[in-house]
N, C-alpha and C. Protein backbone atom coordinates (compact mmCIF):
# COMPACT_ATOMS: atom_id res chain seq x y z
N MET A 1 132.31 46.46 175.63
CA MET A 1 132.68 48.00 176.10
C MET A 1 131.31 48.78 175.96
N SER A 2 130.62 49.09 177.61
CA SER A 2 129.41 49.41 177.32
C SER A 2 129.16 51.22 176.96
N ILE A 3 130.58 51.88 176.58
CA ILE A 3 130.68 53.25 176.39
C ILE A 3 131.31 53.07 174.87
N PRO A 4 130.16 53.58 173.78
CA PRO A 4 130.96 53.59 172.21
C PRO A 4 132.12 54.68 172.24
N PRO A 5 133.26 53.83 171.39
CA PRO A 5 134.39 54.85 171.19
C PRO A 5 134.05 56.07 170.74
N SER A 6 134.33 57.27 171.12
CA SER A 6 134.07 58.41 170.74
C SER A 6 135.40 59.33 170.57
N SER A 7 136.37 59.31 171.33
CA SER A 7 137.52 59.98 171.24
C SER A 7 138.45 59.60 169.91
N PHE A 8 139.25 60.44 169.45
CA PHE A 8 140.43 60.06 168.21
C PHE A 8 140.85 58.91 168.80
N VAL A 9 141.67 58.69 169.47
CA VAL A 9 142.64 57.67 170.07
C VAL A 9 141.34 56.27 170.12
N GLU A 10 140.09 56.43 170.84
CA GLU A 10 139.10 54.82 170.69
C GLU A 10 138.62 54.76 169.21
N ARG A 11 138.79 55.56 168.60
CA ARG A 11 138.17 55.45 166.98
C ARG A 11 139.28 55.10 166.19
N VAL A 12 140.34 55.61 166.42
CA VAL A 12 141.62 54.82 165.94
C VAL A 12 141.96 53.43 166.41
N THR A 13 142.09 53.06 167.52
CA THR A 13 141.90 51.89 168.07
C THR A 13 141.01 50.86 167.72
N LEU A 14 139.61 51.31 167.24
CA LEU A 14 138.57 50.50 167.03
C LEU A 14 139.05 50.32 165.59
N PHE A 15 139.46 51.26 164.65
CA PHE A 15 139.35 50.96 163.39
C PHE A 15 141.00 50.05 162.96
N VAL A 16 141.98 50.00 163.58
CA VAL A 16 143.12 49.25 163.47
C VAL A 16 142.89 47.90 164.01
N SER A 17 142.32 47.90 165.30
CA SER A 17 141.95 46.47 165.82
C SER A 17 141.14 45.52 164.78
N SER A 18 140.13 46.61 164.16
CA SER A 18 138.85 45.29 163.50
C SER A 18 139.50 45.20 162.07
N LEU A 19 140.39 46.03 161.54
CA LEU A 19 140.76 46.21 159.98
C LEU A 19 142.51 45.81 159.77
N HIS A 20 142.98 45.55 160.75
CA HIS A 20 144.44 45.58 160.62
C HIS A 20 145.05 44.72 161.98
N LYS A 21 143.94 43.55 162.18
CA LYS A 21 144.25 42.56 163.64
C LYS A 21 145.60 42.20 163.77
N ALA A 22 146.18 41.91 162.74
CA ALA A 22 147.36 41.54 162.76
C ALA A 22 148.64 42.06 163.33
N HIS A 23 148.59 43.41 162.85
CA HIS A 23 149.52 44.62 163.16
C HIS A 23 148.81 45.80 164.24
N ALA A 24 147.94 45.14 164.60
CA ALA A 24 147.40 46.18 165.81
C ALA A 24 148.11 46.74 166.54
N ARG A 25 148.74 45.58 167.60
CA ARG A 25 149.56 46.16 168.58
C ARG A 25 150.73 47.00 168.15
N ALA A 26 151.55 46.38 167.01
CA ALA A 26 152.72 47.49 166.47
C ALA A 26 152.16 48.59 165.94
N LEU A 27 151.02 48.75 165.51
CA LEU A 27 150.58 49.97 165.27
C LEU A 27 150.38 51.11 166.22
N LEU A 28 149.28 50.42 167.49
CA LEU A 28 148.97 51.09 168.25
C LEU A 28 149.93 51.84 169.28
N GLU A 29 151.39 50.87 169.21
CA GLU A 29 152.43 51.13 170.14
C GLU A 29 152.94 52.61 169.63
N GLY A 30 152.95 52.90 168.34
CA GLY A 30 153.31 54.20 167.93
C GLY A 30 152.39 55.52 168.79
N LEU A 31 151.35 54.94 169.50
CA LEU A 31 150.96 56.53 169.90
C LEU A 31 151.54 57.09 171.26
N ALA A 32 151.00 57.96 171.51
CA ALA A 32 151.78 58.49 172.83
C ALA A 32 151.55 58.26 174.02
N SER A 33 152.62 57.76 174.87
CA SER A 33 152.52 56.90 176.13
C SER A 33 151.33 57.23 176.94
N PRO A 34 150.87 58.80 176.96
CA PRO A 34 149.60 58.58 177.90
C PRO A 34 148.44 58.12 177.03
N LYS A 35 148.82 57.72 176.02
CA LYS A 35 147.13 57.08 175.18
C LYS A 35 147.63 55.59 175.00
N ARG A 36 148.92 55.39 174.67
CA ARG A 36 148.93 53.84 174.53
C ARG A 36 148.63 53.08 175.32
N GLN A 37 148.71 52.90 176.50
CA GLN A 37 147.96 51.75 177.35
C GLN A 37 146.61 51.41 177.31
N ALA A 38 145.79 52.79 177.32
CA ALA A 38 144.46 52.67 176.64
C ALA A 38 144.32 51.96 176.04
N ALA A 39 144.64 52.44 174.76
CA ALA A 39 144.61 51.83 173.16
C ALA A 39 144.99 50.22 173.21
N LEU A 40 145.93 49.89 173.66
CA LEU A 40 146.22 48.56 174.06
C LEU A 40 145.20 47.50 174.46
N LYS A 41 144.64 48.29 175.54
CA LYS A 41 143.82 47.39 176.48
C LYS A 41 142.03 47.36 176.12
N LEU A 42 142.04 48.47 175.12
CA LEU A 42 140.91 48.78 174.57
C LEU A 42 140.91 47.59 173.22
N SER A 43 141.91 47.34 172.28
CA SER A 43 142.24 46.69 171.02
C SER A 43 141.91 45.17 171.55
N GLN A 44 142.74 44.97 172.92
CA GLN A 44 142.29 43.69 173.15
C GLN A 44 141.13 42.86 173.40
N HIS A 45 140.41 44.08 173.92
CA HIS A 45 138.82 43.95 173.98
C HIS A 45 138.11 43.58 172.62
N ILE A 46 138.47 44.64 171.97
CA ILE A 46 138.01 45.02 170.64
C ILE A 46 138.29 43.41 169.83
N THR A 47 139.38 42.85 169.84
CA THR A 47 139.55 41.52 169.11
C THR A 47 139.01 40.37 169.89
N ARG A 48 138.44 40.52 170.85
CA ARG A 48 137.87 39.13 171.44
C ARG A 48 135.99 39.05 170.86
N TRP A 49 135.77 40.83 170.32
CA TRP A 49 134.54 40.42 169.98
C TRP A 49 134.14 39.53 168.74
N ASP A 50 132.86 39.19 168.28
CA ASP A 50 132.71 38.58 167.12
C ASP A 50 132.82 39.47 166.19
N SER A 51 133.14 38.91 165.04
CA SER A 51 132.94 39.98 163.66
C SER A 51 131.72 40.70 163.50
N ALA A 52 130.49 40.07 163.77
CA ALA A 52 129.37 40.99 163.45
C ALA A 52 129.45 42.07 164.73
N THR A 53 129.69 42.07 165.57
CA THR A 53 130.08 43.18 166.72
C THR A 53 131.18 44.26 166.28
N ARG A 54 132.11 43.71 165.71
CA ARG A 54 133.02 44.86 165.22
C ARG A 54 132.43 45.29 163.99
N GLN A 55 132.11 44.65 162.97
CA GLN A 55 131.13 45.51 162.19
C GLN A 55 130.47 46.31 162.31
N ALA A 56 129.42 46.29 163.06
CA ALA A 56 128.60 46.99 163.75
C ALA A 56 129.05 48.20 164.14
N ARG A 57 130.03 48.05 165.16
CA ARG A 57 130.43 49.33 165.92
C ARG A 57 131.22 49.96 164.44
N LEU A 58 131.99 49.35 163.67
CA LEU A 58 132.94 50.18 162.81
C LEU A 58 131.56 50.75 161.86
N ALA A 59 130.38 50.49 161.42
CA ALA A 59 129.44 51.26 160.98
C ALA A 59 128.98 52.27 161.62
N ARG A 60 128.52 51.94 162.92
CA ARG A 60 127.88 53.04 163.87
C ARG A 60 129.28 54.52 163.82
N GLU A 61 130.40 54.12 163.79
CA GLU A 61 131.41 54.77 164.23
C GLU A 61 131.76 55.31 163.03
N PHE A 62 131.84 54.97 161.97
CA PHE A 62 132.37 55.05 160.49
C PHE A 62 131.21 55.42 159.14
N GLY A 63 129.77 55.17 159.88
CA GLY A 63 129.23 54.96 158.85
C GLY A 63 128.73 56.49 158.00
N ALA A 64 127.55 56.38 157.46
CA ALA A 64 127.17 57.61 156.67
C ALA A 64 127.10 58.78 157.66
N GLN A 65 127.34 59.77 156.78
CA GLN A 65 127.31 61.18 157.63
C GLN A 65 125.52 61.53 157.52
N ARG A 66 125.31 62.46 159.02
CA ARG A 66 123.71 62.39 158.84
C ARG A 66 123.22 63.32 157.54
N ASP A 67 124.06 63.98 157.08
CA ASP A 67 123.65 65.03 155.84
C ASP A 67 123.99 64.29 154.64
N ALA A 68 124.45 62.88 154.60
CA ALA A 68 124.43 62.53 153.17
C ALA A 68 123.62 62.60 152.08
N LEU A 69 122.42 62.57 152.59
CA LEU A 69 121.47 62.79 151.44
C LEU A 69 121.43 64.18 150.67
N GLU A 70 121.68 65.18 151.61
CA GLU A 70 121.84 66.65 151.28
C GLU A 70 123.08 66.78 150.39
N ARG A 71 123.91 66.15 150.66
CA ARG A 71 125.25 66.14 150.19
C ARG A 71 125.27 65.48 148.63
N LEU A 72 124.54 64.36 149.06
CA LEU A 72 124.92 63.50 147.37
C LEU A 72 123.70 64.16 146.58
N ARG A 73 122.65 64.97 147.10
CA ARG A 73 121.87 65.92 146.20
C ARG A 73 122.75 66.86 145.51
N ARG A 74 123.47 67.68 146.29
CA ARG A 74 124.53 68.60 145.74
C ARG A 74 125.10 68.16 144.62
N VAL A 75 125.78 66.72 144.90
CA VAL A 75 126.82 66.11 144.00
C VAL A 75 125.95 65.89 142.37
N PHE A 76 124.84 65.28 142.72
CA PHE A 76 123.97 64.98 141.85
C PHE A 76 123.57 66.38 140.78
N ALA A 77 123.07 67.53 141.31
CA ALA A 77 122.73 68.39 140.94
C ALA A 77 123.73 69.33 140.10
N SER A 78 125.30 69.54 140.40
CA SER A 78 126.15 69.91 139.92
C SER A 78 126.89 68.62 139.09
N ALA A 79 126.71 67.52 138.80
CA ALA A 79 126.84 67.25 137.82
C ALA A 79 126.86 66.99 136.30
N PRO A 80 127.23 66.75 135.37
CA PRO A 80 126.75 66.85 134.12
C PRO A 80 126.06 65.54 133.78
N PRO A 81 125.29 65.76 132.70
CA PRO A 81 124.12 64.91 132.57
C PRO A 81 124.53 63.38 132.45
N GLN A 82 125.84 62.88 131.87
CA GLN A 82 126.10 61.86 131.74
C GLN A 82 126.61 61.30 133.21
N LEU A 83 127.30 61.90 133.86
CA LEU A 83 127.92 61.49 135.32
C LEU A 83 126.30 61.41 136.15
N ARG A 84 125.60 62.23 135.80
CA ARG A 84 124.31 61.98 136.46
C ARG A 84 123.50 60.44 136.56
N ALA A 85 123.52 60.26 135.36
CA ALA A 85 123.14 59.06 134.98
C ALA A 85 123.78 57.88 135.38
N ALA A 86 125.11 57.72 135.51
CA ALA A 86 125.87 57.00 135.94
C ALA A 86 125.68 57.10 137.63
N ILE A 87 125.72 58.29 138.25
CA ILE A 87 125.34 58.37 139.50
C ILE A 87 123.95 57.61 140.06
N SER A 88 123.02 58.16 139.28
CA SER A 88 121.57 57.29 139.23
C SER A 88 121.36 55.89 139.00
N GLU A 89 122.37 55.22 138.48
CA GLU A 89 122.19 53.77 138.57
C GLU A 89 123.08 53.30 139.46
N HIS A 90 123.87 53.80 140.41
CA HIS A 90 124.60 53.09 141.18
C HIS A 90 123.97 53.43 142.60
N LEU A 91 122.70 54.28 142.54
CA LEU A 91 122.37 54.47 143.88
C LEU A 91 121.11 53.51 144.38
N PRO A 92 121.23 53.11 145.31
CA PRO A 92 120.02 52.21 145.75
C PRO A 92 118.76 52.73 145.35
N ALA A 93 117.95 51.70 145.12
CA ALA A 93 116.32 52.22 144.49
C ALA A 93 115.67 53.39 145.37
N PRO A 94 115.87 53.00 146.61
CA PRO A 94 114.93 53.94 147.59
C PRO A 94 115.55 55.35 147.76
N ILE A 95 116.85 55.25 147.39
CA ILE A 95 117.63 56.59 147.66
C ILE A 95 117.03 57.36 145.93
N ARG A 96 117.18 56.70 145.14
CA ARG A 96 117.00 57.11 143.59
C ARG A 96 115.77 57.66 143.44
N ALA A 97 114.86 57.11 144.35
CA ALA A 97 113.56 57.45 144.25
C ALA A 97 113.38 58.84 144.70
N THR A 98 114.22 59.43 145.16
CA THR A 98 114.36 60.88 145.94
C THR A 98 114.56 61.81 145.31
N PHE A 99 115.30 61.58 143.91
CA PHE A 99 115.72 62.56 143.24
C PHE A 99 114.77 62.90 141.89
N SER A 100 114.58 63.83 141.69
CA SER A 100 114.07 64.49 140.59
C SER A 100 114.21 63.94 139.27
N ALA A 101 112.82 63.07 138.43
CA ALA A 101 113.57 63.16 137.10
C ALA A 101 114.10 64.12 136.13
N ARG A 102 115.24 63.60 135.62
CA ARG A 102 116.32 64.33 134.99
C ARG A 102 115.98 63.44 133.13
N GLN A 103 116.85 64.71 132.61
CA GLN A 103 116.52 64.06 131.09
C GLN A 103 117.27 62.94 131.16
N PRO A 104 116.51 61.89 130.59
CA PRO A 104 117.28 60.53 130.22
C PRO A 104 118.69 60.58 128.96
N VAL A 105 119.55 59.84 129.92
CA VAL A 105 120.92 59.76 129.29
C VAL A 105 121.18 58.33 129.00
N SER A 106 121.55 58.07 127.82
CA SER A 106 121.78 56.51 127.63
C SER A 106 122.97 56.34 128.72
N ILE A 107 122.76 55.29 129.58
CA ILE A 107 123.57 54.53 130.21
C ILE A 107 124.67 54.00 129.56
N ALA A 108 124.61 52.88 128.43
CA ALA A 108 125.15 52.62 127.65
C ALA A 108 126.39 53.64 127.14
N ALA A 109 125.82 55.04 127.09
CA ALA A 109 127.26 55.97 126.81
C ALA A 109 127.94 56.08 127.90
N CYS A 110 127.66 55.47 128.82
CA CYS A 110 128.59 56.15 129.95
C CYS A 110 129.85 55.09 129.96
N SER A 111 131.18 55.67 130.06
CA SER A 111 132.39 54.96 129.99
C SER A 111 132.64 54.15 131.61
N LEU A 112 133.41 53.06 131.60
CA LEU A 112 133.74 52.61 132.51
C LEU A 112 134.17 53.67 133.72
N ALA A 113 135.22 54.27 133.30
CA ALA A 113 135.59 55.48 133.90
C ALA A 113 134.76 56.55 134.70
N LEU A 114 133.41 56.76 133.95
CA LEU A 114 132.53 57.54 134.55
C LEU A 114 131.58 56.84 135.51
N HIS A 115 131.61 55.66 135.44
CA HIS A 115 130.98 54.72 136.28
C HIS A 115 131.64 54.50 137.24
N SER A 116 133.16 54.43 137.19
CA SER A 116 134.38 54.42 138.47
C SER A 116 133.83 55.80 139.43
N ARG A 117 133.95 56.65 138.48
CA ARG A 117 133.85 58.38 139.19
C ARG A 117 132.43 58.37 140.03
N ALA A 118 131.22 57.74 139.19
CA ALA A 118 130.04 58.15 140.18
C ALA A 118 130.09 57.17 141.44
N GLN A 119 130.77 55.96 141.19
CA GLN A 119 130.66 55.09 142.56
C GLN A 119 131.69 55.94 143.51
N ARG A 120 132.52 56.48 143.26
CA ARG A 120 133.63 57.14 144.34
C ARG A 120 133.04 58.47 144.73
N LEU A 121 132.23 59.17 143.89
CA LEU A 121 131.34 60.66 144.47
C LEU A 121 130.37 60.07 145.26
N ILE A 122 129.51 59.16 145.21
CA ILE A 122 128.55 58.51 146.10
C ILE A 122 129.34 58.15 147.48
N HIS A 123 130.27 57.63 147.02
CA HIS A 123 130.85 57.06 148.37
C HIS A 123 131.16 58.02 149.18
N GLU A 124 132.03 59.36 148.68
CA GLU A 124 132.04 59.98 149.24
C GLU A 124 131.33 61.15 149.96
N ALA A 125 130.36 61.24 148.92
CA ALA A 125 129.02 62.22 149.58
C ALA A 125 128.48 61.47 151.06
N VAL A 126 128.39 59.95 151.02
CA VAL A 126 127.79 59.81 152.34
C VAL A 126 128.79 59.25 153.56
N ARG A 127 130.12 59.56 153.21
CA ARG A 127 130.83 58.90 154.19
C ARG A 127 131.81 60.77 154.85
């Protein structure tokens, strides 16, 4: 399809057809009738795409926000030192380099829960 999905129904169809292929038709049948037929037709089109095309379209439609780096900086700045250390450890190297140096905190002192929280904060900041 030459026009990228942009409406809510088109984005829902892309998501459902890509991630819940086996149940896509049943899920899309729940849409209101004016949009149902268009969604079902688009779903058939999407399911014919190869995996790489579906993944690329999902990344484009649902990928990182334009202000992701600024949002991540705000999260980083407001985090206590141990959480900052855990966040820093989980950032990709090019992004980590853009953050100012902070007081070093022993990564070993960071708990598994703190690492999980850091990963979740990073995910939420960029999505």
